[in-house]
Amino acid sequence: MVKIGDVGVSEQRVVETAPVKNEENKSETKSTSTSVKKAKSRGHSLAIEDLQQNKKDSTDELDLFKNNIYIVFVECETAGNVGFLARTMANFGLKNLVLINPTTLTQEAYYQATHGKYIVENALIYSSLDEFYQSKKIDFKIATTGVAGGSYNLSRIPLKPEQLGETINVNSKIAILFGREGNGLTNKEIEDCDISVSIPTDPTYPVLNVSHAAAIIFYELFKNKHEYPVEDLVESTGVEKEYLINDMVDLINSLDIPDHKKKNGIKTFRNIINRAFITGREAHTLKGILRRLKNKMG
């Protein structure tokens, strides 16, 4: 007689008793043994398929991570810092370096990049941020800032790197902006972004070197690369969000309130929408509601 363990578990034991001479039992034993082999074979095949699928999903996600994130260095002042940034990108699997109106890339940039030299060699150079945004059809723009805002500075209420890593969706084309070594990004450049991210530091010396700041942010993005909440959820594109915000702008402008309150209301709505990482479906639903409100008020 043959005793069979649960075929659903990974380890199965087959216990054989002494041979039985009865022909009927022999036939039954042979049939059961064949069934076990088939069950084992099916289980083995399914396990292989699961491993292959998981490997494919992981590879696809890593490809999105590498291909859809653009690291943008705005008006860098020293070639060496370009090299340091490229080296840090290579550490975390990023490859798309964008330089906006950069200094001359001397040999120092390639030397400091070490094994990230290929990133400097393939860097994309643009004269302005707008030119880059249009060229690559960027869906989501993230500003990095060393000075966190507050309730009365609506343009500069930042996320922490960890929050960014937990919520970012690499199905969209994303630009992460790093500012000038001396002055960082301008208020206008930050306002043009969807959100900002800031690294908590000691107030006595809050400014980080660009490559150090980049390493912290890249780590938080990289460590969550297999945990993005993208299954069955498609994040809204930049165009979808812009249409939604435009509808809110029209609605707010139709209200009888002072201009400065209209401006703050629009900025607040934009901040909420961008920090929420809303899906395309959610954007369309909100858009429909705003349209109905506009029509009713009209």
C-alpha atoms as a PDB file:
ATOM      1  CA  MET A   1       0.000   0.000   0.000  1.00  0.00           C
ATOM      2  CA  VAL A   2       1.162   3.560  -0.749  1.00  0.00           C
ATOM      3  CA  LYS A   3       0.547   6.500   1.582  1.00  0.00           C
ATOM      4  CA  ILE A   4       0.613   9.916  -0.070  1.00  0.00           C
ATOM      5  CA  GLY A   5       1.104  13.311   1.551  1.00  0.00           C
ATOM      6  CA  ASP A   6      -0.822  16.443   0.533  1.00  0.00           C
ATOM      7  CA  VAL A   7       0.186  17.281  -3.019  1.00  0.00           C
ATOM      8  CA  GLY A   8      -0.303  20.939  -2.197  1.00  0.00           C
ATOM      9  CA  VAL A   9       2.785  21.024   0.003  1.00  0.00           C
ATOM     10  CA  SER A  10       6.232  21.309  -1.429  1.00  0.00           C
ATOM     11  CA  GLU A  11       7.618  18.181   0.273  1.00  0.00           C
ATOM     12  CA  GLN A  12       5.831  14.844  -0.195  1.00  0.00           C
ATOM     13  CA  ARG A  13       6.633  11.493   1.390  1.00  0.00           C
ATOM     14  CA  VAL A  14       5.847   8.154  -0.211  1.00  0.00           C
ATOM     15  CA  VAL A  15       5.837   5.242   2.263  1.00  0.00           C
ATOM     16  CA  GLU A  16       5.950   1.777   0.760  1.00  0.00           C
ATOM     17  CA  THR A  17       4.785  -1.332   2.628  1.00  0.00           C
ATOM     18  CA  ALA A  18       5.849  -4.881   1.898  1.00  0.00           C
ATOM     19  CA  PRO A  19       4.788  -6.116  -1.568  1.00  0.00           C
ATOM     20  CA  VAL A  20       1.292  -7.589  -1.786  1.00  0.00           C
ATOM     21  CA  LYS A  21       0.786 -10.546  -4.079  1.00  0.00           C
ATOM     22  CA  ASN A  22      -2.880  -9.904  -4.789  1.00  0.00           C
ATOM     23  CA  GLU A  23      -3.183  -8.930  -8.477  1.00  0.00           C
ATOM     24  CA  GLU A  24      -6.008  -6.485  -7.792  1.00  0.00           C
ATOM     25  CA  ASN A  25      -3.932  -4.691  -5.179  1.00  0.00           C
ATOM     26  CA  LYS A  26      -0.989  -4.610  -7.575  1.00  0.00           C
ATOM     27  CA  SER A  27      -3.141  -2.932 -10.191  1.00  0.00           C
ATOM     28  CA  GLU A  28      -4.480  -0.432  -7.631  1.00  0.00           C
ATOM     29  CA  THR A  29      -0.972   0.358  -6.393  1.00  0.00           C
ATOM     30  CA  LYS A  30       0.282   0.935  -9.937  1.00  0.00           C
ATOM     31  CA  SER A  31      -2.639   3.241 -10.712  1.00  0.00           C
ATOM     32  CA  THR A  32      -2.143   5.254  -7.521  1.00  0.00           C
ATOM     33  CA  SER A  33       1.584   5.561  -8.137  1.00  0.00           C
ATOM     34  CA  THR A  34       0.911   6.925 -11.624  1.00  0.00           C
ATOM     35  CA  SER A  35      -1.521   9.501 -10.196  1.00  0.00           C
ATOM     36  CA  VAL A  36       1.071  10.634  -7.672  1.00  0.00           C
ATOM     37  CA  LYS A  37       3.670  11.099 -10.371  1.00  0.00           C
ATOM     38  CA  LYS A  38       1.214  13.147 -12.445  1.00  0.00           C
ATOM     39  CA  ALA A  39       0.262  15.253  -9.432  1.00  0.00           C
ATOM     40  CA  LYS A  40       3.922  15.855  -8.635  1.00  0.00           C
ATOM     41  CA  SER A  41       4.569  16.746 -12.257  1.00  0.00           C
ATOM     42  CA  ARG A  42       1.675  19.231 -12.320  1.00  0.00           C
ATOM     43  CA  GLY A  43       2.796  20.783  -9.047  1.00  0.00           C
ATOM     44  CA  HIS A  44       6.375  21.066 -10.301  1.00  0.00           C
ATOM     45  CA  SER A  45       5.213  22.686 -13.570  1.00  0.00           C
ATOM     46  CA  LEU A  46       3.006  25.204 -11.743  1.00  0.00           C
ATOM     47  CA  ALA A  47       5.849  26.102  -9.382  1.00  0.00           C
ATOM     48  CA  ILE A  48       8.151  26.731 -12.336  1.00  0.00           C
ATOM     49  CA  GLU A  49       5.487  28.864 -14.048  1.00  0.00           C
ATOM     50  CA  ASP A  50       4.996  30.928 -10.868  1.00  0.00           C
ATOM     51  CA  LEU A  51       8.730  31.475 -10.545  1.00  0.00           C
ATOM     52  CA  GLN A  52       8.996  32.464 -14.198  1.00  0.00           C
ATOM     53  CA  GLN A  53       6.036  34.866 -13.896  1.00  0.00           C
ATOM     54  CA  ASN A  54       7.421  36.440 -10.721  1.00  0.00           C
ATOM     55  CA  LYS A  55      10.789  36.835 -12.396  1.00  0.00           C
ATOM     56  CA  LYS A  56       9.136  38.459 -15.436  1.00  0.00           C
ATOM     57  CA  ASP A  57       7.088  40.843 -13.261  1.00  0.00           C
ATOM     58  CA  SER A  58      10.200  41.799 -11.315  1.00  0.00           C
ATOM     59  CA  THR A  59      12.148  42.386 -14.533  1.00  0.00           C
ATOM     60  CA  ASP A  60       9.348  44.475 -16.062  1.00  0.00           C
ATOM     61  CA  GLU A  61       9.131  46.637 -12.942  1.00  0.00           C
ATOM     62  CA  LEU A  62      12.878  47.152 -12.837  1.00  0.00           C
ATOM     63  CA  ASP A  63      12.821  48.168 -16.500  1.00  0.00           C
ATOM     64  CA  LEU A  64      10.124  50.750 -15.757  1.00  0.00           C
ATOM     65  CA  PHE A  65      12.172  52.022 -12.820  1.00  0.00           C
ATOM     66  CA  LYS A  66      15.242  52.466 -15.029  1.00  0.00           C
ATOM     67  CA  ASN A  67      13.494  53.832 -18.109  1.00  0.00           C
ATOM     68  CA  ASN A  68      10.801  56.159 -16.716  1.00  0.00           C
ATOM     69  CA  ILE A  69      12.724  58.109 -14.067  1.00  0.00           C
ATOM     70  CA  TYR A  70      14.753  61.113 -15.252  1.00  0.00           C
ATOM     71  CA  ILE A  71      17.282  62.726 -12.911  1.00  0.00           C
ATOM     72  CA  VAL A  72      17.518  66.421 -13.772  1.00  0.00           C
ATOM     73  CA  PHE A  73      20.429  68.595 -12.654  1.00  0.00           C
ATOM     74  CA  VAL A  74      19.560  72.263 -13.200  1.00  0.00           C
ATOM     75  CA  GLU A  75      22.415  74.606 -14.125  1.00  0.00           C
ATOM     76  CA  CYS A  76      25.128  72.618 -12.378  1.00  0.00           C
ATOM     77  CA  GLU A  77      28.137  74.758 -11.532  1.00  0.00           C
ATOM     78  CA  THR A  78      30.927  72.153 -11.295  1.00  0.00           C
ATOM     79  CA  ALA A  79      31.641  69.233 -13.592  1.00  0.00           C
ATOM     80  CA  GLY A  80      32.765  67.081 -10.678  1.00  0.00           C
ATOM     81  CA  ASN A  81      29.280  67.138  -9.136  1.00  0.00           C
ATOM     82  CA  VAL A  82      27.836  65.820 -12.391  1.00  0.00           C
ATOM     83  CA  GLY A  83      30.190  62.864 -12.056  1.00  0.00           C
ATOM     84  CA  PHE A  84      29.274  62.272  -8.415  1.00  0.00           C
ATOM     85  CA  LEU A  85      25.568  62.352  -9.276  1.00  0.00           C
ATOM     86  CA  ALA A  86      26.069  59.895 -12.145  1.00  0.00           C
ATOM     87  CA  ARG A  87      27.963  57.545  -9.851  1.00  0.00           C
ATOM     88  CA  THR A  88      25.118  57.642  -7.326  1.00  0.00           C
ATOM     89  CA  MET A  89      22.580  56.951 -10.085  1.00  0.00           C
ATOM     90  CA  ALA A  90      24.544  53.887 -11.162  1.00  0.00           C
ATOM     91  CA  ASN A  91      24.479  52.587  -7.567  1.00  0.00           C
ATOM     92  CA  PHE A  92      20.683  52.448  -7.706  1.00  0.00           C
ATOM     93  CA  GLY A  93      20.056  51.349 -11.278  1.00  0.00           C
ATOM     94  CA  LEU A  94      19.086  54.755 -12.700  1.00  0.00           C
ATOM     95  CA  LYS A  95      20.406  55.762 -16.095  1.00  0.00           C
ATOM     96  CA  ASN A  96      18.566  58.847 -17.443  1.00  0.00           C
ATOM     97  CA  LEU A  97      20.614  61.928 -16.558  1.00  0.00           C
ATOM     98  CA  VAL A  98      19.364  65.295 -17.821  1.00  0.00           C
ATOM     99  CA  LEU A  99      21.462  68.455 -17.623  1.00  0.00           C
ATOM    100  CA  ILE A 100      19.774  71.844 -17.956  1.00  0.00           C
ATOM    101  CA  ASN A 101      22.106  74.601 -19.223  1.00  0.00           C
ATOM    102  CA  PRO A 102      25.138  72.941 -17.600  1.00  0.00           C
ATOM    103  CA  THR A 103      28.709  74.067 -17.126  1.00  0.00           C
ATOM    104  CA  THR A 104      31.297  72.623 -19.496  1.00  0.00           C
ATOM    105  CA  LEU A 105      31.714  68.903 -18.838  1.00  0.00           C
ATOM    106  CA  THR A 106      35.441  68.585 -18.297  1.00  0.00           C
ATOM    107  CA  GLN A 107      37.297  65.324 -17.712  1.00  0.00           C
ATOM    108  CA  GLU A 108      36.551  65.727 -13.991  1.00  0.00           C
ATOM    109  CA  ALA A 109      32.915  64.709 -14.607  1.00  0.00           C
ATOM    110  CA  TYR A 110      33.933  61.397 -16.158  1.00  0.00           C
ATOM    111  CA  TYR A 111      36.624  60.754 -13.567  1.00  0.00           C
ATOM    112  CA  GLN A 112      34.309  61.263 -10.583  1.00  0.00           C
ATOM    113  CA  ALA A 113      31.594  59.128 -12.174  1.00  0.00           C
ATOM    114  CA  THR A 114      33.913  56.044 -12.067  1.00  0.00           C
ATOM    115  CA  HIS A 115      31.638  53.114 -13.090  1.00  0.00           C
ATOM    116  CA  GLY A 116      28.835  55.573 -13.904  1.00  0.00           C
ATOM    117  CA  LYS A 117      30.872  57.125 -16.698  1.00  0.00           C
ATOM    118  CA  TYR A 118      28.414  55.799 -19.297  1.00  0.00           C
ATOM    119  CA  ILE A 119      25.660  57.868 -17.648  1.00  0.00           C
ATOM    120  CA  VAL A 120      27.621  61.093 -18.200  1.00  0.00           C
ATOM    121  CA  GLU A 121      28.390  60.060 -21.777  1.00  0.00           C
ATOM    122  CA  ASN A 122      24.678  59.522 -22.501  1.00  0.00           C
ATOM    123  CA  ALA A 123      23.394  62.566 -20.588  1.00  0.00           C
ATOM    124  CA  LEU A 124      20.691  64.602 -22.320  1.00  0.00           C
ATOM    125  CA  ILE A 125      21.354  68.353 -22.445  1.00  0.00           C
ATOM    126  CA  TYR A 126      18.634  71.002 -22.772  1.00  0.00           C
ATOM    127  CA  SER A 127      18.700  74.772 -22.575  1.00  0.00           C
ATOM    128  CA  SER A 128      15.586  74.964 -20.353  1.00  0.00           C
ATOM    129  CA  LEU A 129      13.291  72.819 -18.218  1.00  0.00           C
ATOM    130  CA  ASP A 130      10.299  73.539 -20.442  1.00  0.00           C
ATOM    131  CA  GLU A 131      12.199  72.227 -23.460  1.00  0.00           C
ATOM    132  CA  PHE A 132      12.951  69.007 -21.575  1.00  0.00           C
ATOM    133  CA  TYR A 133       9.368  68.592 -20.277  1.00  0.00           C
ATOM    134  CA  GLN A 134       7.952  68.920 -23.787  1.00  0.00           C
ATOM    135  CA  SER A 135      10.587  66.712 -25.387  1.00  0.00           C
ATOM    136  CA  LYS A 136      10.075  63.732 -23.059  1.00  0.00           C
ATOM    137  CA  LYS A 137       6.368  64.322 -22.318  1.00  0.00           C
ATOM    138  CA  ILE A 138       6.927  64.199 -18.563  1.00  0.00           C
ATOM    139  CA  ASP A 139       3.843  63.197 -16.543  1.00  0.00           C
ATOM    140  CA  PHE A 140       5.069  63.976 -13.033  1.00  0.00           C
ATOM    141  CA  LYS A 141       7.638  66.501 -11.801  1.00  0.00           C
ATOM    142  CA  ILE A 142       9.319  66.322  -8.382  1.00  0.00           C
ATOM    143  CA  ALA A 143      11.387  69.157  -6.936  1.00  0.00           C
ATOM    144  CA  THR A 144      14.025  68.527  -4.289  1.00  0.00           C
ATOM    145  CA  THR A 145      14.456  71.292  -1.741  1.00  0.00           C
ATOM    146  CA  GLY A 146      16.582  71.749   1.368  1.00  0.00           C
ATOM    147  CA  VAL A 147      14.145  74.204   2.944  1.00  0.00           C
ATOM    148  CA  ALA A 148      10.798  72.757   3.986  1.00  0.00           C
ATOM    149  CA  GLY A 149       7.734  74.965   3.734  1.00  0.00           C
ATOM    150  CA  GLY A 150       4.782  75.278   6.069  1.00  0.00           C
ATOM    151  CA  SER A 151       1.065  75.958   6.137  1.00  0.00           C
ATOM    152  CA  TYR A 152       1.523  79.494   4.812  1.00  0.00           C
ATOM    153  CA  ASN A 153       3.982  78.556   2.067  1.00  0.00           C
ATOM    154  CA  LEU A 154       1.783  76.364  -0.105  1.00  0.00           C
ATOM    155  CA  SER A 155       4.407  75.947  -2.813  1.00  0.00           C
ATOM    156  CA  ARG A 156       6.843  74.238  -0.484  1.00  0.00           C
ATOM    157  CA  ILE A 157       5.027  71.646   1.614  1.00  0.00           C
ATOM    158  CA  PRO A 158       7.285  68.652   0.932  1.00  0.00           C
ATOM    159  CA  LEU A 159       7.140  64.909   1.262  1.00  0.00           C
ATOM    160  CA  LYS A 160       9.894  63.001   3.010  1.00  0.00           C
ATOM    161  CA  PRO A 161      11.943  60.631   0.798  1.00  0.00           C
ATOM    162  CA  GLU A 162      10.360  57.599   2.454  1.00  0.00           C
ATOM    163  CA  GLN A 163       6.849  58.848   1.619  1.00  0.00           C
ATOM    164  CA  LEU A 164       7.920  59.411  -1.959  1.00  0.00           C
ATOM    165  CA  GLY A 165       9.368  55.916  -2.237  1.00  0.00           C
ATOM    166  CA  GLU A 166       6.193  54.324  -0.892  1.00  0.00           C
ATOM    167  CA  THR A 167       3.831  56.090  -3.286  1.00  0.00           C
ATOM    168  CA  ILE A 168       5.691  56.763  -6.525  1.00  0.00           C
ATOM    169  CA  ASN A 169       4.368  54.981  -9.606  1.00  0.00           C
ATOM    170  CA  VAL A 170       6.995  54.150 -12.223  1.00  0.00           C
ATOM    171  CA  ASN A 171       4.378  53.544 -14.929  1.00  0.00           C
ATOM    172  CA  SER A 172       4.470  57.323 -15.479  1.00  0.00           C
ATOM    173  CA  LYS A 173       7.344  59.389 -16.834  1.00  0.00           C
ATOM    174  CA  ILE A 174       8.872  61.099 -13.802  1.00  0.00           C
ATOM    175  CA  ALA A 175      11.407  63.909 -13.511  1.00  0.00           C
ATOM    176  CA  ILE A 176      13.282  64.450 -10.225  1.00  0.00           C
ATOM    177  CA  LEU A 177      14.898  67.891 -10.130  1.00  0.00           C
ATOM    178  CA  PHE A 178      18.087  68.812  -8.286  1.00  0.00           C
ATOM    179  CA  GLY A 179      19.002  72.502  -8.144  1.00  0.00           C
ATOM    180  CA  ARG A 180      22.116  74.588  -8.400  1.00  0.00           C
ATOM    181  CA  GLU A 181      24.880  73.894  -5.899  1.00  0.00           C
ATOM    182  CA  GLY A 182      24.664  77.429  -4.492  1.00  0.00           C
ATOM    183  CA  ASN A 183      21.000  78.415  -4.650  1.00  0.00           C
ATOM    184  CA  GLY A 184      19.057  75.253  -5.412  1.00  0.00           C
ATOM    185  CA  LEU A 185      15.846  75.522  -7.415  1.00  0.00           C
ATOM    186  CA  THR A 186      13.982  78.814  -7.794  1.00  0.00           C
ATOM    187  CA  ASN A 187      10.493  79.259  -6.336  1.00  0.00           C
ATOM    188  CA  LYS A 188       9.114  79.284  -9.882  1.00  0.00           C
ATOM    189  CA  GLU A 189      10.816  75.969 -10.708  1.00  0.00           C
ATOM    190  CA  ILE A 190       9.394  74.436  -7.530  1.00  0.00           C
ATOM    191  CA  GLU A 191       5.903  75.801  -8.219  1.00  0.00           C
ATOM    192  CA  ASP A 192       5.970  74.265 -11.699  1.00  0.00           C
ATOM    193  CA  CYS A 193       6.545  70.825 -10.151  1.00  0.00           C
ATOM    194  CA  ASP A 194       3.750  68.571  -8.925  1.00  0.00           C
ATOM    195  CA  ILE A 195       5.321  67.956  -5.502  1.00  0.00           C
ATOM    196  CA  SER A 196       8.526  68.615  -3.611  1.00  0.00           C
ATOM    197  CA  VAL A 197      10.618  66.284  -1.473  1.00  0.00           C
ATOM    198  CA  SER A 198      12.883  67.369   1.375  1.00  0.00           C
ATOM    199  CA  ILE A 199      15.330  65.460   3.580  1.00  0.00           C
ATOM    200  CA  PRO A 200      15.094  66.183   7.314  1.00  0.00           C
ATOM    201  CA  THR A 201      18.445  67.541   8.513  1.00  0.00           C
ATOM    202  CA  ASP A 202      19.829  69.352  11.541  1.00  0.00           C
ATOM    203  CA  PRO A 203      18.843  73.039  11.306  1.00  0.00           C
ATOM    204  CA  THR A 204      22.353  74.179  12.157  1.00  0.00           C
ATOM    205  CA  TYR A 205      23.561  72.865   8.778  1.00  0.00           C
ATOM    206  CA  PRO A 206      20.577  71.767   6.671  1.00  0.00           C
ATOM    207  CA  VAL A 207      22.129  71.826   3.182  1.00  0.00           C
ATOM    208  CA  LEU A 208      23.314  68.534   1.687  1.00  0.00           C
ATOM    209  CA  ASN A 209      25.695  68.022  -1.194  1.00  0.00           C
ATOM    210  CA  VAL A 210      23.703  67.096  -4.308  1.00  0.00           C
ATOM    211  CA  SER A 211      25.078  63.557  -4.524  1.00  0.00           C
ATOM    212  CA  HIS A 212      24.414  62.921  -0.820  1.00  0.00           C
ATOM    213  CA  ALA A 213      20.830  64.134  -1.132  1.00  0.00           C
ATOM    214  CA  ALA A 214      20.425  62.061  -4.285  1.00  0.00           C
ATOM    215  CA  ALA A 215      21.704  58.912  -2.555  1.00  0.00           C
ATOM    216  CA  ILE A 216      19.084  59.201   0.204  1.00  0.00           C
ATOM    217  CA  ILE A 217      16.229  59.769  -2.250  1.00  0.00           C
ATOM    218  CA  PHE A 218      17.377  57.072  -4.694  1.00  0.00           C
ATOM    219  CA  TYR A 219      17.676  54.543  -1.873  1.00  0.00           C
ATOM    220  CA  GLU A 220      14.090  55.158  -0.778  1.00  0.00           C
ATOM    221  CA  LEU A 221      12.896  54.739  -4.364  1.00  0.00           C
ATOM    222  CA  PHE A 222      15.000  51.644  -5.002  1.00  0.00           C
ATOM    223  CA  LYS A 223      14.149  49.753  -1.822  1.00  0.00           C
ATOM    224  CA  ASN A 224      10.441  49.893  -2.727  1.00  0.00           C
ATOM    225  CA  LYS A 225      10.807  48.990  -6.375  1.00  0.00           C
ATOM    226  CA  HIS A 226       8.941  45.698  -5.872  1.00  0.00           C
ATOM    227  CA  GLU A 227       6.172  47.250  -3.792  1.00  0.00           C
ATOM    228  CA  TYR A 228       4.647  49.871  -6.054  1.00  0.00           C
ATOM    229  CA  PRO A 229       0.844  49.805  -5.821  1.00  0.00           C
ATOM    230  CA  VAL A 230       0.372  49.521  -9.591  1.00  0.00           C
ATOM    231  CA  GLU A 231      -1.687  46.337  -9.996  1.00  0.00           C
ATOM    232  CA  ASP A 232      -5.030  47.240 -11.558  1.00  0.00           C
ATOM    233  CA  LEU A 233      -4.313  50.908 -10.771  1.00  0.00           C
ATOM    234  CA  VAL A 234      -3.220  53.325 -13.482  1.00  0.00           C
ATOM    235  CA  GLU A 235      -2.014  56.658 -12.170  1.00  0.00           C
ATOM    236  CA  SER A 236      -3.433  59.737 -13.861  1.00  0.00           C
ATOM    237  CA  THR A 237      -1.229  61.327 -16.498  1.00  0.00           C
ATOM    238  CA  GLY A 238      -0.007  64.897 -16.387  1.00  0.00           C
ATOM    239  CA  VAL A 239      -2.593  65.850 -19.011  1.00  0.00           C
ATOM    240  CA  GLU A 240      -5.480  64.299 -17.043  1.00  0.00           C
ATOM    241  CA  LYS A 241      -4.463  66.123 -13.873  1.00  0.00           C
ATOM    242  CA  GLU A 242      -4.060  69.396 -15.740  1.00  0.00           C
ATOM    243  CA  TYR A 243      -7.577  69.148 -17.190  1.00  0.00           C
ATOM    244  CA  LEU A 244      -8.934  68.419 -13.710  1.00  0.00           C
ATOM    245  CA  ILE A 245      -7.084  71.380 -12.194  1.00  0.00           C
ATOM    246  CA  ASN A 246      -8.252  73.658 -15.018  1.00  0.00           C
ATOM    247  CA  ASP A 247     -11.870  72.774 -14.232  1.00  0.00           C
ATOM    248  CA  MET A 248     -11.280  73.678 -10.586  1.00  0.00           C
ATOM    249  CA  VAL A 249      -9.623  76.936 -11.671  1.00  0.00           C
ATOM    250  CA  ASP A 250     -12.729  77.845 -13.691  1.00  0.00           C
ATOM    251  CA  LEU A 251     -14.966  76.965 -10.759  1.00  0.00           C
ATOM    252  CA  ILE A 252     -12.933  78.988  -8.237  1.00  0.00           C
ATOM    253  CA  ASN A 253     -12.693  81.967 -10.590  1.00  0.00           C
ATOM    254  CA  SER A 254     -16.467  82.030 -10.842  1.00  0.00           C
ATOM    255  CA  LEU A 255     -16.767  82.580  -7.075  1.00  0.00           C
ATOM    256  CA  ASP A 256     -17.203  86.033  -5.577  1.00  0.00           C
ATOM    257  CA  ILE A 257     -14.096  86.002  -3.388  1.00  0.00           C
ATOM    258  CA  PRO A 258     -10.892  88.129  -3.330  1.00  0.00           C
ATOM    259  CA  ASP A 259      -8.194  87.327  -5.878  1.00  0.00           C
ATOM    260  CA  HIS A 260      -5.630  86.266  -3.270  1.00  0.00           C
ATOM    261  CA  LYS A 261      -8.085  83.699  -1.889  1.00  0.00           C
ATOM    262  CA  LYS A 262      -8.695  82.388  -5.399  1.00  0.00           C
ATOM    263  CA  LYS A 263      -4.935  82.003  -5.910  1.00  0.00           C
ATOM    264  CA  ASN A 264      -4.504  80.153  -2.602  1.00  0.00           C
ATOM    265  CA  GLY A 265      -7.508  77.960  -3.310  1.00  0.00           C
ATOM    266  CA  ILE A 266      -6.137  76.921  -6.708  1.00  0.00           C
ATOM    267  CA  LYS A 267      -2.679  76.232  -5.268  1.00  0.00           C
ATOM    268  CA  THR A 268      -4.145  74.206  -2.402  1.00  0.00           C
ATOM    269  CA  PHE A 269      -6.226  72.073  -4.770  1.00  0.00           C
ATOM    270  CA  ARG A 270      -3.209  71.466  -6.997  1.00  0.00           C
ATOM    271  CA  ASN A 271      -1.103  70.396  -3.989  1.00  0.00           C
ATOM    272  CA  ILE A 272      -3.780  67.984  -2.779  1.00  0.00           C
ATOM    273  CA  ILE A 273      -4.213  66.372  -6.194  1.00  0.00           C
ATOM    274  CA  ASN A 274      -0.477  65.968  -6.734  1.00  0.00           C
ATOM    275  CA  ARG A 275       0.303  64.582  -3.286  1.00  0.00           C
ATOM    276  CA  ALA A 276      -2.588  62.111  -3.538  1.00  0.00           C
ATOM    277  CA  PHE A 277      -1.154  60.289  -6.618  1.00  0.00           C
ATOM    278  CA  ILE A 278      -4.698  59.872  -7.946  1.00  0.00           C
ATOM    279  CA  THR A 279      -5.591  57.296 -10.583  1.00  0.00           C
ATOM    280  CA  GLY A 280      -6.920  58.091 -14.042  1.00  0.00           C
ATOM    281  CA  ARG A 281     -10.353  56.824 -13.015  1.00  0.00           C
ATOM    282  CA  GLU A 282     -10.393  59.106  -9.975  1.00  0.00           C
ATOM    283  CA  ALA A 283      -9.332  62.081 -12.100  1.00  0.00           C
ATOM    284  CA  HIS A 284     -12.197  61.480 -14.548  1.00  0.00           C
ATOM    285  CA  THR A 285     -14.705  61.074 -11.701  1.00  0.00           C
ATOM    286  CA  LEU A 286     -13.655  64.338 -10.044  1.00  0.00           C
ATOM    287  CA  LYS A 287     -13.632  66.076 -13.400  1.00  0.00           C
ATOM    288  CA  GLY A 288     -17.226  65.017 -14.020  1.00  0.00           C
ATOM    289  CA  ILE A 289     -18.317  66.345 -10.623  1.00  0.00           C
ATOM    290  CA  LEU A 290     -16.599  69.696 -11.203  1.00  0.00           C
ATOM    291  CA  ARG A 291     -18.213  70.012 -14.621  1.00  0.00           C
ATOM    292  CA  ARG A 292     -21.668  69.438 -13.127  1.00  0.00           C
ATOM    293  CA  LEU A 293     -21.001  72.032 -10.434  1.00  0.00           C
ATOM    294  CA  LYS A 294     -19.919  74.545 -13.052  1.00  0.00           C
ATOM    295  CA  ASN A 295     -23.027  73.899 -15.132  1.00  0.00           C
ATOM    296  CA  LYS A 296     -25.310  74.190 -12.115  1.00  0.00           C
ATOM    297  CA  MET A 297     -23.712  77.471 -11.036  1.00  0.00           C
ATOM    298  CA  GLY A 298     -23.883  78.803 -14.569  1.00  0.00           C
END
